[in-house]
Amino acid sequence: MIAMTMTRTRRTTSVLSVAGALVIVAGVVGTRGGEPTIAAQELAVPEGDAERGRLLFTDYTCFGCHGYTGETGRDPRLNPLRLSQDGFVAYFRNPPNPRRMPPYRQADVSDQKLVDVYAFLRSLPSGSPEAESIPVLSDILKEIR
């Protein structure tokens, strides 16, 4: 009986927390005459600077595992980039294997810095050939299409 009451209390608290958060967000983010308010504009996704990202990629020694071009290292290829900007930042905050790559907290690496690294990686040309230009892969692609 006590466990059931505690579960109900937790569920009610969770629902109230989510509802409260939605009210707060609704109060902060709004429009005025069809234009987003300043608070809404502050929540916009930051734009990355590829040159700063290149410097950060070097400073944080990302090249040690991913190679200088993001595709020649021993760890996962970052070029061509297969993650969205949000997915890229989320991956850094909570990598699937923290023994291979540590999680980077906001206090250690800001979202802006990660977005800059993302912009740098997006700016790199890929040395990888297109799948269609490799005969075996081209045949596989034809079969699945």
C-alpha atoms as a PDB file:
ATOM      1  CA  MET A   1       0.000   0.000   0.000  1.00  0.00           C
ATOM      2  CA  ILE A   2       2.812   2.395   0.900  1.00  0.00           C
ATOM      3  CA  ALA A   3       4.680   1.535  -2.314  1.00  0.00           C
ATOM      4  CA  MET A   4       1.557   2.216  -4.374  1.00  0.00           C
ATOM      5  CA  THR A   5       1.046   5.587  -2.660  1.00  0.00           C
ATOM      6  CA  MET A   6       4.684   6.519  -3.246  1.00  0.00           C
ATOM      7  CA  THR A   7       4.418   5.563  -6.932  1.00  0.00           C
ATOM      8  CA  ARG A   8       1.281   7.679  -7.322  1.00  0.00           C
ATOM      9  CA  THR A   9       3.012  10.585  -5.570  1.00  0.00           C
ATOM     10  CA  ARG A  10       6.057  10.321  -7.839  1.00  0.00           C
ATOM     11  CA  ARG A  11       3.863  10.169 -10.924  1.00  0.00           C
ATOM     12  CA  THR A  12       1.874  13.212  -9.802  1.00  0.00           C
ATOM     13  CA  THR A  13       5.091  15.094  -9.033  1.00  0.00           C
ATOM     14  CA  SER A  14       6.486  14.211 -12.478  1.00  0.00           C
ATOM     15  CA  VAL A  15       3.333  15.370 -14.249  1.00  0.00           C
ATOM     16  CA  LEU A  16       3.307  18.611 -12.263  1.00  0.00           C
ATOM     17  CA  SER A  17       7.006  19.184 -13.016  1.00  0.00           C
ATOM     18  CA  VAL A  18       6.465  18.757 -16.759  1.00  0.00           C
ATOM     19  CA  ALA A  19       3.387  20.983 -16.686  1.00  0.00           C
ATOM     20  CA  GLY A  20       5.300  23.642 -14.750  1.00  0.00           C
ATOM     21  CA  ALA A  21       8.168  23.513 -17.222  1.00  0.00           C
ATOM     22  CA  LEU A  22       5.758  23.972 -20.120  1.00  0.00           C
ATOM     23  CA  VAL A  23       4.184  26.998 -18.437  1.00  0.00           C
ATOM     24  CA  ILE A  24       7.628  28.516 -17.874  1.00  0.00           C
ATOM     25  CA  VAL A  25       8.665  27.898 -21.482  1.00  0.00           C
ATOM     26  CA  ALA A  26       5.385  29.315 -22.760  1.00  0.00           C
ATOM     27  CA  GLY A  27       5.986  32.435 -20.680  1.00  0.00           C
ATOM     28  CA  VAL A  28       9.563  32.887 -21.879  1.00  0.00           C
ATOM     29  CA  VAL A  29       9.145  31.999 -25.554  1.00  0.00           C
ATOM     30  CA  GLY A  30       6.488  33.884 -27.388  1.00  0.00           C
ATOM     31  CA  THR A  31       5.731  36.085 -30.324  1.00  0.00           C
ATOM     32  CA  ARG A  32       4.906  39.726 -30.600  1.00  0.00           C
ATOM     33  CA  GLY A  33       3.095  40.644 -33.798  1.00  0.00           C
ATOM     34  CA  GLY A  34       4.310  37.424 -35.465  1.00  0.00           C
ATOM     35  CA  GLU A  35       7.966  38.166 -34.550  1.00  0.00           C
ATOM     36  CA  PRO A  36       9.755  36.025 -31.951  1.00  0.00           C
ATOM     37  CA  THR A  37      10.475  37.776 -28.675  1.00  0.00           C
ATOM     38  CA  ILE A  38      14.068  38.261 -27.533  1.00  0.00           C
ATOM     39  CA  ALA A  39      13.783  35.244 -25.214  1.00  0.00           C
ATOM     40  CA  ALA A  40      12.780  33.048 -28.158  1.00  0.00           C
ATOM     41  CA  GLN A  41      15.678  34.339 -30.234  1.00  0.00           C
ATOM     42  CA  GLU A  42      18.124  33.490 -27.423  1.00  0.00           C
ATOM     43  CA  LEU A  43      16.999  29.854 -27.607  1.00  0.00           C
ATOM     44  CA  ALA A  44      17.956  29.673 -31.285  1.00  0.00           C
ATOM     45  CA  VAL A  45      20.626  27.170 -32.324  1.00  0.00           C
ATOM     46  CA  PRO A  46      24.035  28.825 -32.363  1.00  0.00           C
ATOM     47  CA  GLU A  47      25.872  29.147 -35.640  1.00  0.00           C
ATOM     48  CA  GLY A  48      29.292  27.538 -35.827  1.00  0.00           C
ATOM     49  CA  ASP A  49      32.600  29.068 -36.871  1.00  0.00           C
ATOM     50  CA  ALA A  50      34.627  26.523 -38.864  1.00  0.00           C
ATOM     51  CA  GLU A  51      37.974  28.271 -38.251  1.00  0.00           C
ATOM     52  CA  ARG A  52      37.460  28.322 -34.480  1.00  0.00           C
ATOM     53  CA  GLY A  53      36.317  24.711 -34.758  1.00  0.00           C
ATOM     54  CA  ARG A  54      39.561  23.784 -36.522  1.00  0.00           C
ATOM     55  CA  LEU A  55      41.567  25.309 -33.679  1.00  0.00           C
ATOM     56  CA  LEU A  56      39.432  23.535 -31.064  1.00  0.00           C
ATOM     57  CA  PHE A  57      39.747  20.217 -32.922  1.00  0.00           C
ATOM     58  CA  THR A  58      43.507  20.628 -32.545  1.00  0.00           C
ATOM     59  CA  ASP A  59      43.459  22.021 -28.991  1.00  0.00           C
ATOM     60  CA  TYR A  60      41.277  19.182 -27.703  1.00  0.00           C
ATOM     61  CA  THR A  61      43.458  16.688 -29.654  1.00  0.00           C
ATOM     62  CA  CYS A  62      40.450  15.195 -31.428  1.00  0.00           C
ATOM     63  CA  PHE A  63      42.857  14.304 -34.236  1.00  0.00           C
ATOM     64  CA  GLY A  64      44.547  11.797 -31.930  1.00  0.00           C
ATOM     65  CA  CYS A  65      41.618   9.406 -32.314  1.00  0.00           C
ATOM     66  CA  HIS A  66      39.778  10.683 -35.388  1.00  0.00           C
ATOM     67  CA  GLY A  67      42.656  11.795 -37.627  1.00  0.00           C
ATOM     68  CA  TYR A  68      43.317  15.299 -38.910  1.00  0.00           C
ATOM     69  CA  THR A  69      40.598  15.001 -41.527  1.00  0.00           C
ATOM     70  CA  GLY A  70      38.089  13.229 -39.289  1.00  0.00           C
ATOM     71  CA  GLU A  71      38.314  10.072 -41.399  1.00  0.00           C
ATOM     72  CA  THR A  72      41.770   8.600 -40.904  1.00  0.00           C
ATOM     73  CA  GLY A  73      41.873   7.852 -37.164  1.00  0.00           C
ATOM     74  CA  ARG A  74      41.386   4.641 -35.258  1.00  0.00           C
ATOM     75  CA  ASP A  75      38.063   5.710 -33.752  1.00  0.00           C
ATOM     76  CA  PRO A  76      34.738   6.484 -35.442  1.00  0.00           C
ATOM     77  CA  ARG A  77      34.892   8.499 -38.621  1.00  0.00           C
ATOM     78  CA  LEU A  78      33.635  12.032 -38.335  1.00  0.00           C
ATOM     79  CA  ASN A  79      33.913  12.771 -42.035  1.00  0.00           C
ATOM     80  CA  PRO A  80      31.510  12.604 -43.721  1.00  0.00           C
ATOM     81  CA  LEU A  81      29.500  13.701 -40.706  1.00  0.00           C
ATOM     82  CA  ARG A  82      26.371  11.631 -40.225  1.00  0.00           C
ATOM     83  CA  LEU A  83      24.942  13.438 -37.196  1.00  0.00           C
ATOM     84  CA  SER A  84      22.830  16.549 -37.027  1.00  0.00           C
ATOM     85  CA  GLN A  85      24.248  19.440 -35.041  1.00  0.00           C
ATOM     86  CA  ASP A  86      21.991  18.581 -32.088  1.00  0.00           C
ATOM     87  CA  GLY A  87      22.951  14.911 -32.333  1.00  0.00           C
ATOM     88  CA  PHE A  88      26.635  15.855 -32.412  1.00  0.00           C
ATOM     89  CA  VAL A  89      26.347  17.937 -29.226  1.00  0.00           C
ATOM     90  CA  ALA A  90      24.275  15.224 -27.520  1.00  0.00           C
ATOM     91  CA  TYR A  91      26.886  12.598 -28.452  1.00  0.00           C
ATOM     92  CA  PHE A  92      29.614  14.635 -26.755  1.00  0.00           C
ATOM     93  CA  ARG A  93      27.521  15.120 -23.643  1.00  0.00           C
ATOM     94  CA  ASN A  94      26.655  11.433 -23.337  1.00  0.00           C
ATOM     95  CA  PRO A  95      28.842   9.181 -25.530  1.00  0.00           C
ATOM     96  CA  PRO A  96      27.732   5.540 -25.784  1.00  0.00           C
ATOM     97  CA  ASN A  97      31.134   4.252 -24.630  1.00  0.00           C
ATOM     98  CA  PRO A  98      32.599   6.643 -22.015  1.00  0.00           C
ATOM     99  CA  ARG A  99      35.728   4.505 -21.709  1.00  0.00           C
ATOM    100  CA  ARG A 100      36.704   5.310 -25.298  1.00  0.00           C
ATOM    101  CA  MET A 101      35.487   8.901 -25.281  1.00  0.00           C
ATOM    102  CA  PRO A 102      34.767  10.766 -22.069  1.00  0.00           C
ATOM    103  CA  PRO A 103      31.590  12.802 -21.729  1.00  0.00           C
ATOM    104  CA  TYR A 104      32.229  16.515 -22.124  1.00  0.00           C
ATOM    105  CA  ARG A 105      30.191  18.577 -19.671  1.00  0.00           C
ATOM    106  CA  GLN A 106      28.952  22.075 -20.460  1.00  0.00           C
ATOM    107  CA  ALA A 107      31.406  23.411 -17.853  1.00  0.00           C
ATOM    108  CA  ASP A 108      34.303  21.841 -19.781  1.00  0.00           C
ATOM    109  CA  VAL A 109      33.231  22.491 -23.376  1.00  0.00           C
ATOM    110  CA  SER A 110      30.429  24.913 -24.186  1.00  0.00           C
ATOM    111  CA  ASP A 111      27.735  24.149 -26.738  1.00  0.00           C
ATOM    112  CA  GLN A 112      29.160  26.967 -28.863  1.00  0.00           C
ATOM    113  CA  LYS A 113      32.572  25.283 -28.979  1.00  0.00           C
ATOM    114  CA  LEU A 114      30.982  21.973 -29.994  1.00  0.00           C
ATOM    115  CA  VAL A 115      28.979  23.746 -32.699  1.00  0.00           C
ATOM    116  CA  ASP A 116      32.227  25.318 -33.936  1.00  0.00           C
ATOM    117  CA  VAL A 117      33.878  21.876 -34.140  1.00  0.00           C
ATOM    118  CA  TYR A 118      30.763  20.627 -35.950  1.00  0.00           C
ATOM    119  CA  ALA A 119      31.062  23.501 -38.461  1.00  0.00           C
ATOM    120  CA  PHE A 120      34.730  22.622 -39.010  1.00  0.00           C
ATOM    121  CA  LEU A 121      33.935  18.968 -39.665  1.00  0.00           C
ATOM    122  CA  ARG A 122      31.124  19.950 -42.053  1.00  0.00           C
ATOM    123  CA  SER A 123      33.595  22.128 -43.963  1.00  0.00           C
ATOM    124  CA  LEU A 124      36.030  19.276 -44.625  1.00  0.00           C
ATOM    125  CA  PRO A 125      35.949  17.622 -48.025  1.00  0.00           C
ATOM    126  CA  SER A 126      35.645  13.879 -47.775  1.00  0.00           C
ATOM    127  CA  GLY A 127      38.311  11.739 -49.374  1.00  0.00           C
ATOM    128  CA  SER A 128      35.896   8.824 -49.418  1.00  0.00           C
ATOM    129  CA  PRO A 129      34.447   7.836 -52.772  1.00  0.00           C
ATOM    130  CA  GLU A 130      30.699   7.792 -53.259  1.00  0.00           C
ATOM    131  CA  ALA A 131      29.161   4.356 -52.643  1.00  0.00           C
ATOM    132  CA  GLU A 132      27.853   4.282 -56.210  1.00  0.00           C
ATOM    133  CA  SER A 133      31.407   4.473 -57.569  1.00  0.00           C
ATOM    134  CA  ILE A 134      32.443   1.230 -55.827  1.00  0.00           C
ATOM    135  CA  PRO A 135      31.195  -1.716 -57.941  1.00  0.00           C
ATOM    136  CA  VAL A 136      30.266  -4.061 -55.077  1.00  0.00           C
ATOM    137  CA  LEU A 137      28.466  -1.330 -53.147  1.00  0.00           C
ATOM    138  CA  SER A 138      26.775  -0.128 -56.299  1.00  0.00           C
ATOM    139  CA  ASP A 139      25.399  -3.646 -56.894  1.00  0.00           C
ATOM    140  CA  ILE A 140      24.116  -3.836 -53.315  1.00  0.00           C
ATOM    141  CA  LEU A 141      22.444  -0.447 -53.626  1.00  0.00           C
ATOM    142  CA  LYS A 142      20.741  -1.519 -56.861  1.00  0.00           C
ATOM    143  CA  GLU A 143      19.379  -4.640 -55.120  1.00  0.00           C
ATOM    144  CA  ILE A 144      17.891  -2.771 -52.178  1.00  0.00           C
ATOM    145  CA  ARG A 145      16.336   0.021 -54.264  1.00  0.00           C
END
